[in-house]
Amino acid sequence: VPPPGSTTGVAADPGQAPRADAGRELPDPAPLATNLARCVFEILAGA
């Protein structure tokens, strides 16, 4: 049972099942988003 206030593994909609990987810890998405945007920009520039 998740702690009170936790949304891990809880579906937002009663008819919707939780994601299969909902219990896994994911890293912070900000560094990946920043680096991926930088890379995409450099790829389109041909560098």
ModelCIF file with pLDDT and N, C-alpha, C, O atoms, coordinates in Angstrom:
data_MODEL
#
_entry.id   MODEL 
#
_entity.id                         1 
_entity.type                       polymer 
_entity.pdbx_number_of_molecules   1 
#
_entity_poly.entity_id                      1 
_entity_poly.type                           'polypeptide(L)' 
_entity_poly.nstd_linkage                   no 
_entity_poly.nstd_monomer                   no 
_entity_poly.pdbx_seq_one_letter_code       VPPPGSTTGVAADPGQAPRADAGRELPDPAPLATNLARCVFEILAGA 
_entity_poly.pdbx_seq_one_letter_code_can   VPPPGSTTGVAADPGQAPRADAGRELPDPAPLATNLARCVFEILAGA 
_entity_poly.pdbx_strand_id                 A 
#
loop_
_entity_poly_seq.entity_id 
_entity_poly_seq.num 
_entity_poly_seq.mon_id 
_entity_poly_seq.hetero 
1 1  VAL n 
1 2  PRO n 
1 3  PRO n 
1 4  PRO n 
1 5  GLY n 
1 6  SER n 
1 7  THR n 
1 8  THR n 
1 9  GLY n 
1 10 VAL n 
1 11 ALA n 
1 12 ALA n 
1 13 ASP n 
1 14 PRO n 
1 15 GLY n 
1 16 GLN n 
1 17 ALA n 
1 18 PRO n 
1 19 ARG n 
1 20 ALA n 
1 21 ASP n 
1 22 ALA n 
1 23 GLY n 
1 24 ARG n 
1 25 GLU n 
1 26 LEU n 
1 27 PRO n 
1 28 ASP n 
1 29 PRO n 
1 30 ALA n 
1 31 PRO n 
1 32 LEU n 
1 33 ALA n 
1 34 THR n 
1 35 ASN n 
1 36 LEU n 
1 37 ALA n 
1 38 ARG n 
1 39 CYS n 
1 40 VAL n 
1 41 PHE n 
1 42 GLU n 
1 43 ILE n 
1 44 LEU n 
1 45 ALA n 
1 46 GLY n 
1 47 ALA n 
#
_struct_asym.id          A 
_struct_asym.entity_id   1 
#
loop_
_ma_qa_metric.id 
_ma_qa_metric.mode 
_ma_qa_metric.name 
_ma_qa_metric.software_group_id 
_ma_qa_metric.type 
1 global pLDDT . pLDDT 
2 local  pLDDT . pLDDT 
#
_ma_qa_metric_global.metric_id      1 
_ma_qa_metric_global.metric_value   68.55 
_ma_qa_metric_global.model_id       1 
_ma_qa_metric_global.ordinal_id     1 
#
loop_
_ma_qa_metric_local.label_asym_id 
_ma_qa_metric_local.label_comp_id 
_ma_qa_metric_local.label_seq_id 
_ma_qa_metric_local.metric_id 
_ma_qa_metric_local.metric_value 
_ma_qa_metric_local.model_id 
_ma_qa_metric_local.ordinal_id 
A VAL 1  2 40.00 1 1  
A PRO 2  2 43.00 1 2  
A PRO 3  2 44.00 1 3  
A PRO 4  2 45.00 1 4  
A GLY 5  2 46.00 1 5  
A SER 6  2 44.00 1 6  
A THR 7  2 45.00 1 7  
A THR 8  2 43.00 1 8  
A GLY 9  2 42.00 1 9  
A VAL 10 2 40.00 1 10 
A ALA 11 2 39.00 1 11 
A ALA 12 2 41.00 1 12 
A ASP 13 2 41.00 1 13 
A PRO 14 2 41.00 1 14 
A GLY 15 2 41.00 1 15 
A GLN 16 2 41.00 1 16 
A ALA 17 2 41.00 1 17 
A PRO 18 2 42.00 1 18 
A ARG 19 2 49.00 1 19 
A ALA 20 2 47.00 1 20 
A ASP 21 2 49.00 1 21 
A ALA 22 2 50.00 1 22 
A GLY 23 2 48.00 1 23 
A ARG 24 2 62.00 1 24 
A GLU 25 2 86.00 1 25 
A LEU 26 2 91.00 1 26 
A PRO 27 2 93.00 1 27 
A ASP 28 2 94.00 1 28 
A PRO 29 2 95.00 1 29 
A ALA 30 2 95.00 1 30 
A PRO 31 2 95.00 1 31 
A LEU 32 2 95.00 1 32 
A ALA 33 2 96.00 1 33 
A THR 34 2 96.00 1 34 
A ASN 35 2 96.00 1 35 
A LEU 36 2 97.00 1 36 
A ALA 37 2 96.00 1 37 
A ARG 38 2 95.00 1 38 
A CYS 39 2 95.00 1 39 
A VAL 40 2 95.00 1 40 
A PHE 41 2 92.00 1 41 
A GLU 42 2 94.00 1 42 
A ILE 43 2 94.00 1 43 
A LEU 44 2 92.00 1 44 
A ALA 45 2 91.00 1 45 
A GLY 46 2 92.00 1 46 
A ALA 47 2 93.00 1 47 
#
loop_
_atom_site.group_PDB 
_atom_site.id 
_atom_site.type_symbol 
_atom_site.label_atom_id 
_atom_site.label_alt_id 
_atom_site.label_comp_id 
_atom_site.label_asym_id 
_atom_site.label_entity_id 
_atom_site.label_seq_id 
_atom_site.pdbx_PDB_ins_code 
_atom_site.Cartn_x 
_atom_site.Cartn_y 
_atom_site.Cartn_z 
_atom_site.occupancy 
_atom_site.B_iso_or_equiv 
_atom_site.pdbx_formal_charge 
_atom_site.auth_seq_id 
_atom_site.auth_comp_id 
_atom_site.auth_asym_id 
_atom_site.auth_atom_id 
_atom_site.pdbx_PDB_model_num 
ATOM 1   N N  . VAL A 1 1  ? 0.856   -1.180 0.000   1.00 40.00 ? 1  VAL A N  1 
ATOM 2   C CA . VAL A 1 1  ? 0.000   0.000  0.000   1.00 40.00 ? 1  VAL A CA 1 
ATOM 3   C C  . VAL A 1 1  ? 0.891   1.229  0.000   1.00 40.00 ? 1  VAL A C  1 
ATOM 4   O O  . VAL A 1 1  ? 1.725   1.377  0.894   1.00 40.00 ? 1  VAL A O  1 
ATOM 5   N N  . PRO A 1 2  ? 0.739   2.127  -0.990  1.00 43.00 ? 2  PRO A N  1 
ATOM 6   C CA . PRO A 1 2  ? 1.573   3.317  -1.012  1.00 43.00 ? 2  PRO A CA 1 
ATOM 7   C C  . PRO A 1 2  ? 1.222   4.233  0.156   1.00 43.00 ? 2  PRO A C  1 
ATOM 8   O O  . PRO A 1 2  ? 0.093   4.204  0.647   1.00 43.00 ? 2  PRO A O  1 
ATOM 9   N N  . PRO A 1 3  ? 2.184   5.052  0.608   1.00 44.00 ? 3  PRO A N  1 
ATOM 10  C CA . PRO A 1 3  ? 1.900   5.969  1.701   1.00 44.00 ? 3  PRO A CA 1 
ATOM 11  C C  . PRO A 1 3  ? 0.833   6.976  1.315   1.00 44.00 ? 3  PRO A C  1 
ATOM 12  O O  . PRO A 1 3  ? 0.646   7.252  0.130   1.00 44.00 ? 3  PRO A O  1 
ATOM 13  N N  . PRO A 1 4  ? 0.114   7.544  2.316   1.00 45.00 ? 4  PRO A N  1 
ATOM 14  C CA . PRO A 1 4  ? -0.926  8.524  1.996   1.00 45.00 ? 4  PRO A CA 1 
ATOM 15  C C  . PRO A 1 4  ? -0.350  9.703  1.222   1.00 45.00 ? 4  PRO A C  1 
ATOM 16  O O  . PRO A 1 4  ? 0.729   10.202 1.543   1.00 45.00 ? 4  PRO A O  1 
ATOM 17  N N  . GLY A 1 5  ? -1.071  10.139 0.210   1.00 46.00 ? 5  GLY A N  1 
ATOM 18  C CA . GLY A 1 5  ? -0.642  11.267 -0.603  1.00 46.00 ? 5  GLY A CA 1 
ATOM 19  C C  . GLY A 1 5  ? 0.241   10.863 -1.770  1.00 46.00 ? 5  GLY A C  1 
ATOM 20  O O  . GLY A 1 5  ? 0.513   11.683 -2.647  1.00 46.00 ? 5  GLY A O  1 
ATOM 21  N N  . SER A 1 6  ? 0.691   9.621  -1.800  1.00 44.00 ? 6  SER A N  1 
ATOM 22  C CA . SER A 1 6  ? 1.546   9.161  -2.888  1.00 44.00 ? 6  SER A CA 1 
ATOM 23  C C  . SER A 1 6  ? 0.677   8.774  -4.070  1.00 44.00 ? 6  SER A C  1 
ATOM 24  O O  . SER A 1 6  ? -0.400  8.205  -3.893  1.00 44.00 ? 6  SER A O  1 
ATOM 25  N N  . THR A 1 7  ? 1.145   9.084  -5.292  1.00 45.00 ? 7  THR A N  1 
ATOM 26  C CA . THR A 1 7  ? 0.404   8.727  -6.497  1.00 45.00 ? 7  THR A CA 1 
ATOM 27  C C  . THR A 1 7  ? 1.068   7.600  -7.249  1.00 45.00 ? 7  THR A C  1 
ATOM 28  O O  . THR A 1 7  ? 0.603   7.238  -8.331  1.00 45.00 ? 7  THR A O  1 
ATOM 29  N N  . THR A 1 8  ? 2.140   7.027  -6.720  1.00 43.00 ? 8  THR A N  1 
ATOM 30  C CA . THR A 1 8  ? 2.846   5.955  -7.403  1.00 43.00 ? 8  THR A CA 1 
ATOM 31  C C  . THR A 1 8  ? 1.946   4.729  -7.509  1.00 43.00 ? 8  THR A C  1 
ATOM 32  O O  . THR A 1 8  ? 1.465   4.199  -6.507  1.00 43.00 ? 8  THR A O  1 
ATOM 33  N N  . GLY A 1 9  ? 1.731   4.295  -8.744  1.00 42.00 ? 9  GLY A N  1 
ATOM 34  C CA . GLY A 1 9  ? 0.935   3.107  -8.988  1.00 42.00 ? 9  GLY A CA 1 
ATOM 35  C C  . GLY A 1 9  ? -0.564  3.337  -8.905  1.00 42.00 ? 9  GLY A C  1 
ATOM 36  O O  . GLY A 1 9  ? -1.330  2.384  -9.044  1.00 42.00 ? 9  GLY A O  1 
ATOM 37  N N  . VAL A 1 10 ? -1.004  4.556  -8.686  1.00 40.00 ? 10 VAL A N  1 
ATOM 38  C CA . VAL A 1 10 ? -2.426  4.846  -8.591  1.00 40.00 ? 10 VAL A CA 1 
ATOM 39  C C  . VAL A 1 10 ? -2.869  5.468  -9.898  1.00 40.00 ? 10 VAL A C  1 
ATOM 40  O O  . VAL A 1 10 ? -2.256  6.419  -10.384 1.00 40.00 ? 10 VAL A O  1 
ATOM 41  N N  . ALA A 1 11 ? -3.925  4.933  -10.460 1.00 39.00 ? 11 ALA A N  1 
ATOM 42  C CA . ALA A 1 11 ? -4.437  5.463  -11.716 1.00 39.00 ? 11 ALA A CA 1 
ATOM 43  C C  . ALA A 1 11 ? -5.167  6.773  -11.478 1.00 39.00 ? 11 ALA A C  1 
ATOM 44  O O  . ALA A 1 11 ? -5.855  6.935  -10.470 1.00 39.00 ? 11 ALA A O  1 
ATOM 45  N N  . ALA A 1 12 ? -5.016  7.708  -12.408 1.00 41.00 ? 12 ALA A N  1 
ATOM 46  C CA . ALA A 1 12 ? -5.693  8.990  -12.292 1.00 41.00 ? 12 ALA A CA 1 
ATOM 47  C C  . ALA A 1 12 ? -7.188  8.829  -12.545 1.00 41.00 ? 12 ALA A C  1 
ATOM 48  O O  . ALA A 1 12 ? -7.998  9.565  -11.983 1.00 41.00 ? 12 ALA A O  1 
ATOM 49  N N  . ASP A 1 13 ? -7.549  7.884  -13.375 1.00 41.00 ? 13 ASP A N  1 
ATOM 50  C CA . ASP A 1 13 ? -8.931  7.624  -13.738 1.00 41.00 ? 13 ASP A CA 1 
ATOM 51  C C  . ASP A 1 13 ? -9.268  6.213  -13.251 1.00 41.00 ? 13 ASP A C  1 
ATOM 52  O O  . ASP A 1 13 ? -8.493  5.289  -13.494 1.00 41.00 ? 13 ASP A O  1 
ATOM 53  N N  . PRO A 1 14 ? -10.406 6.021  -12.568 1.00 41.00 ? 14 PRO A N  1 
ATOM 54  C CA . PRO A 1 14 ? -10.723 4.682  -12.061 1.00 41.00 ? 14 PRO A CA 1 
ATOM 55  C C  . PRO A 1 14 ? -10.761 3.611  -13.145 1.00 41.00 ? 14 PRO A C  1 
ATOM 56  O O  . PRO A 1 14 ? -10.492 2.445  -12.857 1.00 41.00 ? 14 PRO A O  1 
ATOM 57  N N  . GLY A 1 15 ? -11.083 3.971  -14.374 1.00 41.00 ? 15 GLY A N  1 
ATOM 58  C CA . GLY A 1 15 ? -11.137 2.995  -15.455 1.00 41.00 ? 15 GLY A CA 1 
ATOM 59  C C  . GLY A 1 15 ? -9.798  2.743  -16.102 1.00 41.00 ? 15 GLY A C  1 
ATOM 60  O O  . GLY A 1 15 ? -9.677  1.869  -16.961 1.00 41.00 ? 15 GLY A O  1 
ATOM 61  N N  . GLN A 1 16 ? -8.781  3.503  -15.699 1.00 41.00 ? 16 GLN A N  1 
ATOM 62  C CA . GLN A 1 16 ? -7.470  3.380  -16.303 1.00 41.00 ? 16 GLN A CA 1 
ATOM 63  C C  . GLN A 1 16 ? -6.547  2.603  -15.376 1.00 41.00 ? 16 GLN A C  1 
ATOM 64  O O  . GLN A 1 16 ? -6.486  2.880  -14.178 1.00 41.00 ? 16 GLN A O  1 
ATOM 65  N N  . ALA A 1 17 ? -5.836  1.641  -15.924 1.00 41.00 ? 17 ALA A N  1 
ATOM 66  C CA . ALA A 1 17 ? -4.919  0.831  -15.115 1.00 41.00 ? 17 ALA A CA 1 
ATOM 67  C C  . ALA A 1 17 ? -3.614  1.583  -14.913 1.00 41.00 ? 17 ALA A C  1 
ATOM 68  O O  . ALA A 1 17 ? -3.222  2.376  -15.769 1.00 41.00 ? 17 ALA A O  1 
ATOM 69  N N  . PRO A 1 18 ? -2.934  1.350  -13.794 1.00 42.00 ? 18 PRO A N  1 
ATOM 70  C CA . PRO A 1 18 ? -1.634  1.986  -13.607 1.00 42.00 ? 18 PRO A CA 1 
ATOM 71  C C  . PRO A 1 18 ? -0.621  1.448  -14.604 1.00 42.00 ? 18 PRO A C  1 
ATOM 72  O O  . PRO A 1 18 ? -0.744  0.318  -15.078 1.00 42.00 ? 18 PRO A O  1 
ATOM 73  N N  . ARG A 1 19 ? 0.387   2.265  -14.922 1.00 49.00 ? 19 ARG A N  1 
ATOM 74  C CA . ARG A 1 19 ? 1.429   1.852  -15.855 1.00 49.00 ? 19 ARG A CA 1 
ATOM 75  C C  . ARG A 1 19 ? 2.215   0.687  -15.254 1.00 49.00 ? 19 ARG A C  1 
ATOM 76  O O  . ARG A 1 19 ? 2.401   0.615  -14.039 1.00 49.00 ? 19 ARG A O  1 
ATOM 77  N N  . ALA A 1 20 ? 2.667   -0.211 -16.103 1.00 47.00 ? 20 ALA A N  1 
ATOM 78  C CA . ALA A 1 20 ? 3.379   -1.398 -15.630 1.00 47.00 ? 20 ALA A CA 1 
ATOM 79  C C  . ALA A 1 20 ? 4.671   -1.033 -14.911 1.00 47.00 ? 20 ALA A C  1 
ATOM 80  O O  . ALA A 1 20 ? 5.115   -1.769 -14.030 1.00 47.00 ? 20 ALA A O  1 
ATOM 81  N N  . ASP A 1 21 ? 5.286   0.103  -15.277 1.00 49.00 ? 21 ASP A N  1 
ATOM 82  C CA . ASP A 1 21 ? 6.550   0.489  -14.675 1.00 49.00 ? 21 ASP A CA 1 
ATOM 83  C C  . ASP A 1 21 ? 6.366   1.626  -13.675 1.00 49.00 ? 21 ASP A C  1 
ATOM 84  O O  . ASP A 1 21 ? 7.318   2.352  -13.386 1.00 49.00 ? 21 ASP A O  1 
ATOM 85  N N  . ALA A 1 22 ? 5.162   1.790  -13.146 1.00 50.00 ? 22 ALA A N  1 
ATOM 86  C CA . ALA A 1 22 ? 4.866   2.920  -12.277 1.00 50.00 ? 22 ALA A CA 1 
ATOM 87  C C  . ALA A 1 22 ? 5.630   2.866  -10.963 1.00 50.00 ? 22 ALA A C  1 
ATOM 88  O O  . ALA A 1 22 ? 5.876   3.915  -10.369 1.00 50.00 ? 22 ALA A O  1 
ATOM 89  N N  . GLY A 1 23 ? 6.014   1.695  -10.488 1.00 48.00 ? 23 GLY A N  1 
ATOM 90  C CA . GLY A 1 23 ? 6.692   1.582  -9.213  1.00 48.00 ? 23 GLY A CA 1 
ATOM 91  C C  . GLY A 1 23 ? 8.193   1.830  -9.286  1.00 48.00 ? 23 GLY A C  1 
ATOM 92  O O  . GLY A 1 23 ? 8.847   1.927  -8.248  1.00 48.00 ? 23 GLY A O  1 
ATOM 93  N N  . ARG A 1 24 ? 8.746   1.933  -10.469 1.00 62.00 ? 24 ARG A N  1 
ATOM 94  C CA . ARG A 1 24 ? 10.186  2.117  -10.612 1.00 62.00 ? 24 ARG A CA 1 
ATOM 95  C C  . ARG A 1 24 ? 10.565  3.570  -10.371 1.00 62.00 ? 24 ARG A C  1 
ATOM 96  O O  . ARG A 1 24 ? 9.805   4.489  -10.674 1.00 62.00 ? 24 ARG A O  1 
ATOM 97  N N  . GLU A 1 25 ? 11.742  3.751  -9.829  1.00 86.00 ? 25 GLU A N  1 
ATOM 98  C CA . GLU A 1 25 ? 12.270  5.085  -9.617  1.00 86.00 ? 25 GLU A CA 1 
ATOM 99  C C  . GLU A 1 25 ? 12.895  5.578  -10.914 1.00 86.00 ? 25 GLU A C  1 
ATOM 100 O O  . GLU A 1 25 ? 13.756  4.912  -11.489 1.00 86.00 ? 25 GLU A O  1 
ATOM 101 N N  . LEU A 1 26 ? 12.462  6.733  -11.367 1.00 91.00 ? 26 LEU A N  1 
ATOM 102 C CA . LEU A 1 26 ? 13.008  7.327  -12.578 1.00 91.00 ? 26 LEU A CA 1 
ATOM 103 C C  . LEU A 1 26 ? 13.896  8.501  -12.196 1.00 91.00 ? 26 LEU A C  1 
ATOM 104 O O  . LEU A 1 26 ? 13.624  9.183  -11.208 1.00 91.00 ? 26 LEU A O  1 
ATOM 105 N N  . PRO A 1 27 ? 14.954  8.749  -12.963 1.00 93.00 ? 27 PRO A N  1 
ATOM 106 C CA . PRO A 1 27 ? 15.808  9.894  -12.667 1.00 93.00 ? 27 PRO A CA 1 
ATOM 107 C C  . PRO A 1 27 ? 15.094  11.207 -13.007 1.00 93.00 ? 27 PRO A C  1 
ATOM 108 O O  . PRO A 1 27 ? 14.040  11.208 -13.643 1.00 93.00 ? 27 PRO A O  1 
ATOM 109 N N  . ASP A 1 28 ? 15.675  12.296 -12.581 1.00 94.00 ? 28 ASP A N  1 
ATOM 110 C CA . ASP A 1 28 ? 15.149  13.622 -12.883 1.00 94.00 ? 28 ASP A CA 1 
ATOM 111 C C  . ASP A 1 28 ? 15.183  13.822 -14.401 1.00 94.00 ? 28 ASP A C  1 
ATOM 112 O O  . ASP A 1 28 ? 16.234  13.616 -15.008 1.00 94.00 ? 28 ASP A O  1 
ATOM 113 N N  . PRO A 1 29 ? 14.070  14.215 -15.040 1.00 95.00 ? 29 PRO A N  1 
ATOM 114 C CA . PRO A 1 29 ? 14.052  14.355 -16.496 1.00 95.00 ? 29 PRO A CA 1 
ATOM 115 C C  . PRO A 1 29 ? 14.724  15.628 -17.010 1.00 95.00 ? 29 PRO A C  1 
ATOM 116 O O  . PRO A 1 29 ? 15.005  15.718 -18.206 1.00 95.00 ? 29 PRO A O  1 
ATOM 117 N N  . ALA A 1 30 ? 14.991  16.613 -16.151 1.00 95.00 ? 30 ALA A N  1 
ATOM 118 C CA . ALA A 1 30 ? 15.535  17.898 -16.606 1.00 95.00 ? 30 ALA A CA 1 
ATOM 119 C C  . ALA A 1 30 ? 16.899  17.765 -17.291 1.00 95.00 ? 30 ALA A C  1 
ATOM 120 O O  . ALA A 1 30 ? 17.074  18.342 -18.364 1.00 95.00 ? 30 ALA A O  1 
ATOM 121 N N  . PRO A 1 31 ? 17.877  17.038 -16.734 1.00 95.00 ? 31 PRO A N  1 
ATOM 122 C CA . PRO A 1 31 ? 19.163  16.927 -17.440 1.00 95.00 ? 31 PRO A CA 1 
ATOM 123 C C  . PRO A 1 31 ? 19.042  16.261 -18.810 1.00 95.00 ? 31 PRO A C  1 
ATOM 124 O O  . PRO A 1 31 ? 19.691  16.688 -19.765 1.00 95.00 ? 31 PRO A O  1 
ATOM 125 N N  . LEU A 1 32 ? 18.217  15.222 -18.912 1.00 95.00 ? 32 LEU A N  1 
ATOM 126 C CA . LEU A 1 32 ? 18.042  14.569 -20.202 1.00 95.00 ? 32 LEU A CA 1 
ATOM 127 C C  . LEU A 1 32 ? 17.371  15.515 -21.191 1.00 95.00 ? 32 LEU A C  1 
ATOM 128 O O  . LEU A 1 32 ? 17.786  15.596 -22.347 1.00 95.00 ? 32 LEU A O  1 
ATOM 129 N N  . ALA A 1 33 ? 16.346  16.226 -20.752 1.00 96.00 ? 33 ALA A N  1 
ATOM 130 C CA . ALA A 1 33 ? 15.651  17.159 -21.642 1.00 96.00 ? 33 ALA A CA 1 
ATOM 131 C C  . ALA A 1 33 ? 16.607  18.238 -22.151 1.00 96.00 ? 33 ALA A C  1 
ATOM 132 O O  . ALA A 1 33 ? 16.595  18.575 -23.335 1.00 96.00 ? 33 ALA A O  1 
ATOM 133 N N  . THR A 1 34 ? 17.424  18.772 -21.265 1.00 96.00 ? 34 THR A N  1 
ATOM 134 C CA . THR A 1 34 ? 18.385  19.810 -21.654 1.00 96.00 ? 34 THR A CA 1 
ATOM 135 C C  . THR A 1 34 ? 19.404  19.268 -22.648 1.00 96.00 ? 34 THR A C  1 
ATOM 136 O O  . THR A 1 34 ? 19.641  19.877 -23.691 1.00 96.00 ? 34 THR A O  1 
ATOM 137 N N  . ASN A 1 35 ? 20.003  18.131 -22.330 1.00 96.00 ? 35 ASN A N  1 
ATOM 138 C CA . ASN A 1 35 ? 21.023  17.559 -23.208 1.00 96.00 ? 35 ASN A CA 1 
ATOM 139 C C  . ASN A 1 35 ? 20.447  17.078 -24.531 1.00 96.00 ? 35 ASN A C  1 
ATOM 140 O O  . ASN A 1 35 ? 21.089  17.212 -25.572 1.00 96.00 ? 35 ASN A O  1 
ATOM 141 N N  . LEU A 1 36 ? 19.250  16.524 -24.498 1.00 97.00 ? 36 LEU A N  1 
ATOM 142 C CA . LEU A 1 36 ? 18.627  16.055 -25.733 1.00 97.00 ? 36 LEU A CA 1 
ATOM 143 C C  . LEU A 1 36 ? 18.275  17.232 -26.638 1.00 97.00 ? 36 LEU A C  1 
ATOM 144 O O  . LEU A 1 36 ? 18.457  17.149 -27.853 1.00 97.00 ? 36 LEU A O  1 
ATOM 145 N N  . ALA A 1 37 ? 17.774  18.321 -26.068 1.00 96.00 ? 37 ALA A N  1 
ATOM 146 C CA . ALA A 1 37 ? 17.471  19.516 -26.865 1.00 96.00 ? 37 ALA A CA 1 
ATOM 147 C C  . ALA A 1 37 ? 18.743  20.079 -27.484 1.00 96.00 ? 37 ALA A C  1 
ATOM 148 O O  . ALA A 1 37 ? 18.745  20.473 -28.650 1.00 96.00 ? 37 ALA A O  1 
ATOM 149 N N  . ARG A 1 38 ? 19.824  20.120 -26.712 1.00 95.00 ? 38 ARG A N  1 
ATOM 150 C CA . ARG A 1 38 ? 21.114  20.602 -27.223 1.00 95.00 ? 38 ARG A CA 1 
ATOM 151 C C  . ARG A 1 38 ? 21.583  19.716 -28.372 1.00 95.00 ? 38 ARG A C  1 
ATOM 152 O O  . ARG A 1 38 ? 22.025  20.216 -29.406 1.00 95.00 ? 38 ARG A O  1 
ATOM 153 N N  . CYS A 1 39 ? 21.486  18.410 -28.191 1.00 95.00 ? 39 CYS A N  1 
ATOM 154 C CA . CYS A 1 39 ? 21.917  17.480 -29.238 1.00 95.00 ? 39 CYS A CA 1 
ATOM 155 C C  . CYS A 1 39 ? 21.070  17.605 -30.502 1.00 95.00 ? 39 CYS A C  1 
ATOM 156 O O  . CYS A 1 39 ? 21.608  17.590 -31.609 1.00 95.00 ? 39 CYS A O  1 
ATOM 157 N N  . VAL A 1 40 ? 19.764  17.728 -30.351 1.00 95.00 ? 40 VAL A N  1 
ATOM 158 C CA . VAL A 1 40 ? 18.878  17.868 -31.512 1.00 95.00 ? 40 VAL A CA 1 
ATOM 159 C C  . VAL A 1 40 ? 19.224  19.137 -32.282 1.00 95.00 ? 40 VAL A C  1 
ATOM 160 O O  . VAL A 1 40 ? 19.265  19.133 -33.512 1.00 95.00 ? 40 VAL A O  1 
ATOM 161 N N  . PHE A 1 41 ? 19.469  20.204 -31.565 1.00 92.00 ? 41 PHE A N  1 
ATOM 162 C CA . PHE A 1 41 ? 19.833  21.469 -32.204 1.00 92.00 ? 41 PHE A CA 1 
ATOM 163 C C  . PHE A 1 41 ? 21.142  21.314 -32.986 1.00 92.00 ? 41 PHE A C  1 
ATOM 164 O O  . PHE A 1 41 ? 21.247  21.807 -34.109 1.00 92.00 ? 41 PHE A O  1 
ATOM 165 N N  . GLU A 1 42 ? 22.140  20.634 -32.408 1.00 94.00 ? 42 GLU A N  1 
ATOM 166 C CA . GLU A 1 42 ? 23.420  20.422 -33.084 1.00 94.00 ? 42 GLU A CA 1 
ATOM 167 C C  . GLU A 1 42 ? 23.281  19.448 -34.253 1.00 94.00 ? 42 GLU A C  1 
ATOM 168 O O  . GLU A 1 42 ? 23.968  19.599 -35.263 1.00 94.00 ? 42 GLU A O  1 
ATOM 169 N N  . ILE A 1 43 ? 22.409  18.460 -34.132 1.00 94.00 ? 43 ILE A N  1 
ATOM 170 C CA . ILE A 1 43 ? 22.178  17.510 -35.229 1.00 94.00 ? 43 ILE A CA 1 
ATOM 171 C C  . ILE A 1 43 ? 21.594  18.237 -36.429 1.00 94.00 ? 43 ILE A C  1 
ATOM 172 O O  . ILE A 1 43 ? 22.039  18.024 -37.556 1.00 94.00 ? 43 ILE A O  1 
ATOM 173 N N  . LEU A 1 44 ? 20.609  19.086 -36.203 1.00 92.00 ? 44 LEU A N  1 
ATOM 174 C CA . LEU A 1 44 ? 19.996  19.817 -37.310 1.00 92.00 ? 44 LEU A CA 1 
ATOM 175 C C  . LEU A 1 44 ? 20.970  20.803 -37.945 1.00 92.00 ? 44 LEU A C  1 
ATOM 176 O O  . LEU A 1 44 ? 20.838  21.123 -39.126 1.00 92.00 ? 44 LEU A O  1 
ATOM 177 N N  . ALA A 1 45 ? 21.945  21.289 -37.178 1.00 91.00 ? 45 ALA A N  1 
ATOM 178 C CA . ALA A 1 45 ? 22.953  22.198 -37.723 1.00 91.00 ? 45 ALA A CA 1 
ATOM 179 C C  . ALA A 1 45 ? 24.047  21.437 -38.468 1.00 91.00 ? 45 ALA A C  1 
ATOM 180 O O  . ALA A 1 45 ? 24.858  22.057 -39.155 1.00 91.00 ? 45 ALA A O  1 
ATOM 181 N N  . GLY A 1 46 ? 24.088  20.108 -38.350 1.00 92.00 ? 46 GLY A N  1 
ATOM 182 C CA . GLY A 1 46 ? 25.076  19.306 -39.040 1.00 92.00 ? 46 GLY A CA 1 
ATOM 183 C C  . GLY A 1 46 ? 26.362  19.106 -38.260 1.00 92.00 ? 46 GLY A C  1 
ATOM 184 O O  . GLY A 1 46 ? 27.334  18.580 -38.803 1.00 92.00 ? 46 GLY A O  1 
ATOM 185 N N  . ALA A 1 47 ? 26.391  19.514 -37.001 1.00 93.00 ? 47 ALA A N  1 
ATOM 186 C CA . ALA A 1 47 ? 27.600  19.393 -36.195 1.00 93.00 ? 47 ALA A CA 1 
ATOM 187 C C  . ALA A 1 47 ? 27.671  18.089 -35.409 1.00 93.00 ? 47 ALA A C  1 
ATOM 188 O O  . ALA A 1 47 ? 28.639  17.855 -34.686 1.00 93.00 ? 47 ALA A O  1 
#
